[in-house]
């Protein structure tokens, strides 16, 4: 498809890797933050780490994932006949909803209003793994 298409794909993959790293790491921070004493130095440090991760890495990477992904789909003509791509887009939308839920939980921690246990966040940390697996199956196998 050409050099430009390859660079768009590199941008997409780079964004996906950065976003997914954050999607896996942020709930892990929540696991430890949930066990930290409210208003402690440790809790305040987690707040800074969580905010910077979400705003500085995850959010731009999510936008890059969507932007480069849509660009790839349009440039490659994938939207006209690839049913697998529509399901992939639905799964990426699910990850996007999850991303915004992570932000809501982060905001609750920010104002010392977290209501969830570390066990809850351990369980929530598994969800994106399942969604990512589904996306990879669709992208690699293109089953339909």
C-alpha atoms as a PDB file:
ATOM      1  CA  UNK A   1       0.000   0.000   0.000  1.00  0.00           C
ATOM      2  CA  UNK A   2       2.974   2.253   0.200  1.00  0.00           C
ATOM      3  CA  UNK A   3       5.305   4.000   2.563  1.00  0.00           C
ATOM      4  CA  UNK A   4       2.708   6.446   3.888  1.00  0.00           C
ATOM      5  CA  UNK A   5       0.408   3.570   4.849  1.00  0.00           C
ATOM      6  CA  UNK A   6       3.268   1.869   6.691  1.00  0.00           C
ATOM      7  CA  UNK A   7       3.989   5.044   8.674  1.00  0.00           C
ATOM      8  CA  UNK A   8       0.327   5.384   9.583  1.00  0.00           C
ATOM      9  CA  UNK A   9       0.398   1.758  10.751  1.00  0.00           C
ATOM     10  CA  UNK A  10       3.511   2.478  12.849  1.00  0.00           C
ATOM     11  CA  UNK A  11       1.708   5.449  14.430  1.00  0.00           C
ATOM     12  CA  UNK A  12      -1.305   3.249  15.144  1.00  0.00           C
ATOM     13  CA  UNK A  13       0.729   0.442  16.702  1.00  0.00           C
ATOM     14  CA  UNK A  14       2.821   2.856  18.766  1.00  0.00           C
ATOM     15  CA  UNK A  15      -0.350   4.498  20.082  1.00  0.00           C
ATOM     16  CA  UNK A  16      -1.980   1.137  20.838  1.00  0.00           C
ATOM     17  CA  UNK A  17       1.076  -0.083  22.778  1.00  0.00           C
ATOM     18  CA  UNK A  18       1.289   3.129  24.816  1.00  0.00           C
ATOM     19  CA  UNK A  19      -2.448   3.152  25.525  1.00  0.00           C
ATOM     20  CA  UNK A  20      -2.559  -0.497  26.526  1.00  0.00           C
ATOM     21  CA  UNK A  21       0.455  -0.093  28.809  1.00  0.00           C
ATOM     22  CA  UNK A  22      -1.486   2.598  30.658  1.00  0.00           C
ATOM     23  CA  UNK A  23      -4.734   0.628  30.602  1.00  0.00           C
ATOM     24  CA  UNK A  24      -2.909  -2.243  32.317  1.00  0.00           C
ATOM     25  CA  UNK A  25      -0.879  -0.085  34.717  1.00  0.00           C
ATOM     26  CA  UNK A  26      -3.453   2.434  35.986  1.00  0.00           C
ATOM     27  CA  UNK A  27      -5.750  -0.118  37.651  1.00  0.00           C
ATOM     28  CA  UNK A  28      -2.647  -1.711  39.191  1.00  0.00           C
ATOM     29  CA  UNK A  29      -1.861   1.681  40.740  1.00  0.00           C
ATOM     30  CA  UNK A  30      -5.455   1.762  41.997  1.00  0.00           C
ATOM     31  CA  UNK A  31      -4.893  -1.620  43.693  1.00  0.00           C
ATOM     32  CA  UNK A  32      -2.121  -0.118  45.806  1.00  0.00           C
ATOM     33  CA  UNK A  33      -3.810   3.268  46.191  1.00  0.00           C
ATOM     34  CA  UNK A  34      -6.946   1.616  47.595  1.00  0.00           C
ATOM     35  CA  UNK A  35      -4.811   0.141  50.393  1.00  0.00           C
ATOM     36  CA  UNK A  36      -3.001   3.417  51.151  1.00  0.00           C
ATOM     37  CA  UNK A  37      -4.202   5.551  54.032  1.00  0.00           C
ATOM     38  CA  UNK A  38      -6.258   8.540  52.874  1.00  0.00           C
ATOM     39  CA  UNK A  39      -4.285  11.804  52.717  1.00  0.00           C
ATOM     40  CA  UNK A  40      -1.014   9.985  53.446  1.00  0.00           C
ATOM     41  CA  UNK A  41       2.163  10.865  51.545  1.00  0.00           C
ATOM     42  CA  UNK A  42       1.789   7.568  49.717  1.00  0.00           C
ATOM     43  CA  UNK A  43      -1.803   8.355  48.705  1.00  0.00           C
ATOM     44  CA  UNK A  44      -0.837  11.822  47.487  1.00  0.00           C
ATOM     45  CA  UNK A  45       2.013  10.338  45.446  1.00  0.00           C
ATOM     46  CA  UNK A  46      -0.386   7.874  43.819  1.00  0.00           C
ATOM     47  CA  UNK A  47      -2.678  10.762  42.876  1.00  0.00           C
ATOM     48  CA  UNK A  48       0.145  12.490  41.000  1.00  0.00           C
ATOM     49  CA  UNK A  49       1.235   9.269  39.285  1.00  0.00           C
ATOM     50  CA  UNK A  50      -2.320   8.394  38.239  1.00  0.00           C
ATOM     51  CA  UNK A  51      -3.101  11.856  36.900  1.00  0.00           C
ATOM     52  CA  UNK A  52       0.131  12.078  34.907  1.00  0.00           C
ATOM     53  CA  UNK A  53      -0.278   8.589  33.490  1.00  0.00           C
ATOM     54  CA  UNK A  54      -3.837   9.226  32.390  1.00  0.00           C
ATOM     55  CA  UNK A  55      -3.408  12.748  31.051  1.00  0.00           C
ATOM     56  CA  UNK A  56       0.152  12.565  29.756  1.00  0.00           C
ATOM     57  CA  UNK A  57       0.276   9.096  28.234  1.00  0.00           C
ATOM     58  CA  UNK A  58      -3.043   7.292  28.106  1.00  0.00           C
ATOM     59  CA  UNK A  59      -5.297  10.035  26.765  1.00  0.00           C
ATOM     60  CA  UNK A  60      -2.988  11.109  23.914  1.00  0.00           C
ATOM     61  CA  UNK A  61      -2.313   7.452  23.083  1.00  0.00           C
ATOM     62  CA  UNK A  62      -6.053   6.698  22.994  1.00  0.00           C
ATOM     63  CA  UNK A  63      -6.604   9.613  20.612  1.00  0.00           C
ATOM     64  CA  UNK A  64      -3.690   8.386  18.494  1.00  0.00           C
ATOM     65  CA  UNK A  65      -5.091   4.860  18.444  1.00  0.00           C
ATOM     66  CA  UNK A  66      -8.434   6.088  17.187  1.00  0.00           C
ATOM     67  CA  UNK A  67      -7.005   8.656  14.773  1.00  0.00           C
ATOM     68  CA  UNK A  68      -4.404   6.421  13.158  1.00  0.00           C
ATOM     69  CA  UNK A  69      -6.796   3.462  13.212  1.00  0.00           C
ATOM     70  CA  UNK A  70      -9.535   5.342  11.386  1.00  0.00           C
ATOM     71  CA  UNK A  71      -6.967   6.720   8.954  1.00  0.00           C
ATOM     72  CA  UNK A  72      -5.707   3.186   8.255  1.00  0.00           C
ATOM     73  CA  UNK A  73      -9.217   1.895   7.757  1.00  0.00           C
ATOM     74  CA  UNK A  74     -10.085   4.665   5.321  1.00  0.00           C
ATOM     75  CA  UNK A  75      -6.787   4.610   3.428  1.00  0.00           C
ATOM     76  CA  UNK A  76      -6.816   0.823   3.184  1.00  0.00           C
ATOM     77  CA  UNK A  77     -10.473   0.595   2.206  1.00  0.00           C
ATOM     78  CA  UNK A  78     -11.141  -1.727   5.131  1.00  0.00           C
ATOM     79  CA  UNK A  79     -14.525  -0.304   6.067  1.00  0.00           C
ATOM     80  CA  UNK A  80     -16.256  -1.377   2.880  1.00  0.00           C
ATOM     81  CA  UNK A  81     -15.988  -5.130   3.230  1.00  0.00           C
ATOM     82  CA  UNK A  82     -14.235  -6.190   6.407  1.00  0.00           C
ATOM     83  CA  UNK A  83     -16.826  -7.344   8.917  1.00  0.00           C
ATOM     84  CA  UNK A  84     -14.069  -8.191  11.390  1.00  0.00           C
ATOM     85  CA  UNK A  85     -13.058  -4.514  11.430  1.00  0.00           C
ATOM     86  CA  UNK A  86     -16.474  -3.429  12.652  1.00  0.00           C
ATOM     87  CA  UNK A  87     -16.285  -5.892  15.530  1.00  0.00           C
ATOM     88  CA  UNK A  88     -12.750  -4.695  16.279  1.00  0.00           C
ATOM     89  CA  UNK A  89     -14.027  -1.105  16.349  1.00  0.00           C
ATOM     90  CA  UNK A  90     -16.741  -2.172  18.791  1.00  0.00           C
ATOM     91  CA  UNK A  91     -14.115  -3.741  21.071  1.00  0.00           C
ATOM     92  CA  UNK A  92     -11.958  -0.606  20.843  1.00  0.00           C
ATOM     93  CA  UNK A  93     -15.051   1.389  21.772  1.00  0.00           C
ATOM     94  CA  UNK A  94     -15.432  -0.886  24.822  1.00  0.00           C
ATOM     95  CA  UNK A  95     -11.804  -0.111  25.763  1.00  0.00           C
ATOM     96  CA  UNK A  96     -12.578   3.575  25.342  1.00  0.00           C
ATOM     97  CA  UNK A  97     -15.534   3.315  27.734  1.00  0.00           C
ATOM     98  CA  UNK A  98     -13.247   1.435  30.148  1.00  0.00           C
ATOM     99  CA  UNK A  99     -10.660   4.232  29.778  1.00  0.00           C
ATOM    100  CA  UNK A 100     -13.225   6.845  30.800  1.00  0.00           C
ATOM    101  CA  UNK A 101     -14.323   4.664  33.715  1.00  0.00           C
ATOM    102  CA  UNK A 102     -10.690   4.541  34.847  1.00  0.00           C
ATOM    103  CA  UNK A 103     -10.684   8.331  34.728  1.00  0.00           C
ATOM    104  CA  UNK A 104     -13.840   8.442  36.863  1.00  0.00           C
ATOM    105  CA  UNK A 105     -12.208   6.159  39.442  1.00  0.00           C
ATOM    106  CA  UNK A 106      -9.077   8.317  39.333  1.00  0.00           C
ATOM    107  CA  UNK A 107     -11.151  11.395  40.038  1.00  0.00           C
ATOM    108  CA  UNK A 108     -12.733   9.636  43.018  1.00  0.00           C
ATOM    109  CA  UNK A 109      -9.259   8.913  44.398  1.00  0.00           C
ATOM    110  CA  UNK A 110      -8.302  12.548  43.718  1.00  0.00           C
ATOM    111  CA  UNK A 111     -10.976  13.794  46.136  1.00  0.00           C
ATOM    112  CA  UNK A 112     -10.473  10.915  48.604  1.00  0.00           C
ATOM    113  CA  UNK A 113     -13.853   9.417  47.702  1.00  0.00           C
ATOM    114  CA  UNK A 114     -12.840   5.976  46.445  1.00  0.00           C
ATOM    115  CA  UNK A 115     -15.437   3.355  47.380  1.00  0.00           C
ATOM    116  CA  UNK A 116     -13.745   0.272  45.931  1.00  0.00           C
ATOM    117  CA  UNK A 117     -11.357  -2.263  47.411  1.00  0.00           C
ATOM    118  CA  UNK A 118      -8.001  -3.336  46.052  1.00  0.00           C
ATOM    119  CA  UNK A 119      -9.637  -6.679  45.177  1.00  0.00           C
ATOM    120  CA  UNK A 120     -12.183  -4.850  42.996  1.00  0.00           C
ATOM    121  CA  UNK A 121      -9.403  -3.131  41.063  1.00  0.00           C
ATOM    122  CA  UNK A 122      -7.535  -6.442  40.670  1.00  0.00           C
ATOM    123  CA  UNK A 123     -10.630  -7.869  38.994  1.00  0.00           C
ATOM    124  CA  UNK A 124     -11.135  -4.777  36.845  1.00  0.00           C
ATOM    125  CA  UNK A 125      -7.526  -5.073  35.727  1.00  0.00           C
ATOM    126  CA  UNK A 126      -8.382  -8.330  33.928  1.00  0.00           C
ATOM    127  CA  UNK A 127     -11.089  -6.904  31.655  1.00  0.00           C
ATOM    128  CA  UNK A 128      -8.833  -5.174  29.115  1.00  0.00           C
ATOM    129  CA  UNK A 129      -6.791  -8.365  28.745  1.00  0.00           C
ATOM    130  CA  UNK A 130      -9.847 -10.199  27.447  1.00  0.00           C
ATOM    131  CA  UNK A 131     -10.812  -7.365  25.115  1.00  0.00           C
ATOM    132  CA  UNK A 132      -7.261  -7.077  23.770  1.00  0.00           C
ATOM    133  CA  UNK A 133      -7.177 -10.818  23.100  1.00  0.00           C
ATOM    134  CA  UNK A 134     -10.388 -10.493  21.072  1.00  0.00           C
ATOM    135  CA  UNK A 135      -8.955  -7.600  19.082  1.00  0.00           C
ATOM    136  CA  UNK A 136      -5.773  -9.521  18.298  1.00  0.00           C
ATOM    137  CA  UNK A 137      -7.726 -12.571  17.133  1.00  0.00           C
ATOM    138  CA  UNK A 138      -9.764 -10.362  14.804  1.00  0.00           C
ATOM    139  CA  UNK A 139      -6.755  -8.474  13.421  1.00  0.00           C
ATOM    140  CA  UNK A 140      -4.533 -11.496  12.854  1.00  0.00           C
ATOM    141  CA  UNK A 141      -7.081 -14.112  11.756  1.00  0.00           C
ATOM    142  CA  UNK A 142      -9.664 -11.817  10.109  1.00  0.00           C
ATOM    143  CA  UNK A 143     -12.255 -14.575  10.606  1.00  0.00           C
ATOM    144  CA  UNK A 144     -15.009 -12.875   8.594  1.00  0.00           C
END
